[in-house]
Amino acid sequence: ASAQIRLRVSAAMTVLTPVERTAFALRHYEGRSIAHISSALGLGTSATKHSIFRAVRKLRTALQPLRSES
């Protein structure tokens, strides 16, 4: 089951822009700070937070069917 979930999450990540995908991965997979992500992406703090917010919102929408199956 976990392998199937990983595949669905990977597929859902394709709906993100490259900046959203990188910001999300750095924040939620690597646990990096907003300051670190901002610096790495060359964005301001507000833009970085907004990119992560948009990524989470898009992933929740893309993975909604998965939540319904639980």
C-alpha atoms as a PDB file:
ATOM      1  CA  ALA A   1       0.000   0.000   0.000  1.00  0.00           C
ATOM      2  CA  SER A   2       2.776   2.467   0.840  1.00  0.00           C
ATOM      3  CA  ALA A   3       4.448   1.887  -2.534  1.00  0.00           C
ATOM      4  CA  GLN A   4       1.170   2.759  -4.244  1.00  0.00           C
ATOM      5  CA  ILE A   5       0.845   5.914  -2.153  1.00  0.00           C
ATOM      6  CA  ARG A   6       4.389   6.963  -3.062  1.00  0.00           C
ATOM      7  CA  LEU A   7       3.587   6.515  -6.748  1.00  0.00           C
ATOM      8  CA  ARG A   8       0.450   8.639  -6.428  1.00  0.00           C
ATOM      9  CA  VAL A   9       2.303  11.373  -4.561  1.00  0.00           C
ATOM     10  CA  SER A  10       5.038  11.370  -7.217  1.00  0.00           C
ATOM     11  CA  ALA A  11       2.422  11.647  -9.945  1.00  0.00           C
ATOM     12  CA  ALA A  12       0.673  14.451  -8.063  1.00  0.00           C
ATOM     13  CA  MET A  13       3.966  16.367  -7.804  1.00  0.00           C
ATOM     14  CA  THR A  14       3.891  16.796 -11.593  1.00  0.00           C
ATOM     15  CA  VAL A  15       1.068  19.351 -11.246  1.00  0.00           C
ATOM     16  CA  LEU A  16       3.448  21.697  -9.423  1.00  0.00           C
ATOM     17  CA  THR A  17       5.635  24.303 -11.084  1.00  0.00           C
ATOM     18  CA  PRO A  18       9.382  23.732 -10.703  1.00  0.00           C
ATOM     19  CA  VAL A  19       9.598  26.452  -8.023  1.00  0.00           C
ATOM     20  CA  GLU A  20       6.622  25.009  -6.108  1.00  0.00           C
ATOM     21  CA  ARG A  21       8.034  21.493  -6.336  1.00  0.00           C
ATOM     22  CA  THR A  22      11.469  22.573  -5.097  1.00  0.00           C
ATOM     23  CA  ALA A  23      10.080  24.735  -2.295  1.00  0.00           C
ATOM     24  CA  PHE A  24       7.732  21.958  -1.169  1.00  0.00           C
ATOM     25  CA  ALA A  25      10.465  19.305  -1.230  1.00  0.00           C
ATOM     26  CA  LEU A  26      12.928  21.475   0.665  1.00  0.00           C
ATOM     27  CA  ARG A  27      10.354  22.356   3.314  1.00  0.00           C
ATOM     28  CA  HIS A  28       8.461  19.092   3.790  1.00  0.00           C
ATOM     29  CA  TYR A  29      10.951  16.414   2.780  1.00  0.00           C
ATOM     30  CA  GLU A  30      14.192  18.029   3.935  1.00  0.00           C
ATOM     31  CA  GLY A  31      12.831  20.229   6.738  1.00  0.00           C
ATOM     32  CA  ARG A  32      14.640  23.357   5.551  1.00  0.00           C
ATOM     33  CA  SER A  33      13.786  26.770   6.935  1.00  0.00           C
ATOM     34  CA  ILE A  34      11.915  29.405   4.966  1.00  0.00           C
ATOM     35  CA  ALA A  35      15.074  31.544   5.029  1.00  0.00           C
ATOM     36  CA  HIS A  36      17.134  28.708   3.546  1.00  0.00           C
ATOM     37  CA  ILE A  37      14.554  28.008   0.830  1.00  0.00           C
ATOM     38  CA  SER A  38      14.263  31.710   0.011  1.00  0.00           C
ATOM     39  CA  SER A  39      18.008  31.954  -0.394  1.00  0.00           C
ATOM     40  CA  ALA A  40      18.247  28.774  -2.472  1.00  0.00           C
ATOM     41  CA  LEU A  41      15.472  29.879  -4.821  1.00  0.00           C
ATOM     42  CA  GLY A  42      16.403  33.555  -4.911  1.00  0.00           C
ATOM     43  CA  LEU A  43      12.954  34.559  -3.682  1.00  0.00           C
ATOM     44  CA  GLY A  44      11.718  36.780  -0.896  1.00  0.00           C
ATOM     45  CA  THR A  45      10.274  35.232   2.240  1.00  0.00           C
ATOM     46  CA  SER A  46       6.692  36.042   1.261  1.00  0.00           C
ATOM     47  CA  ALA A  47       7.085  34.560  -2.233  1.00  0.00           C
ATOM     48  CA  THR A  48       8.636  31.420  -0.763  1.00  0.00           C
ATOM     49  CA  LYS A  49       5.787  30.947   1.715  1.00  0.00           C
ATOM     50  CA  HIS A  50       3.265  31.515  -1.049  1.00  0.00           C
ATOM     51  CA  SER A  51       4.973  28.924  -3.293  1.00  0.00           C
ATOM     52  CA  ILE A  52       4.802  26.339  -0.513  1.00  0.00           C
ATOM     53  CA  PHE A  53       1.164  27.226   0.195  1.00  0.00           C
ATOM     54  CA  ARG A  54       0.224  26.829  -3.501  1.00  0.00           C
ATOM     55  CA  ALA A  55       2.069  23.511  -3.664  1.00  0.00           C
ATOM     56  CA  VAL A  56       0.243  22.138  -0.623  1.00  0.00           C
ATOM     57  CA  ARG A  57      -3.109  23.303  -1.982  1.00  0.00           C
ATOM     58  CA  LYS A  58      -2.478  21.698  -5.393  1.00  0.00           C
ATOM     59  CA  LEU A  59      -1.302  18.430  -3.818  1.00  0.00           C
ATOM     60  CA  ARG A  60      -4.329  18.251  -1.528  1.00  0.00           C
ATOM     61  CA  THR A  61      -6.591  18.651  -4.542  1.00  0.00           C
ATOM     62  CA  ALA A  62      -4.666  16.082  -6.594  1.00  0.00           C
ATOM     63  CA  LEU A  63      -4.597  13.565  -3.735  1.00  0.00           C
ATOM     64  CA  GLN A  64      -8.201  14.050  -2.581  1.00  0.00           C
ATOM     65  CA  PRO A  65      -9.327  10.766  -4.180  1.00  0.00           C
ATOM     66  CA  LEU A  66      -6.664   9.007  -2.114  1.00  0.00           C
ATOM     67  CA  ARG A  67      -8.124  10.437   1.107  1.00  0.00           C
ATOM     68  CA  SER A  68     -11.576   9.220   0.097  1.00  0.00           C
ATOM     69  CA  GLU A  69     -10.316   5.645  -0.268  1.00  0.00           C
ATOM     70  CA  SER A  70      -9.004   5.506   3.332  1.00  0.00           C
END
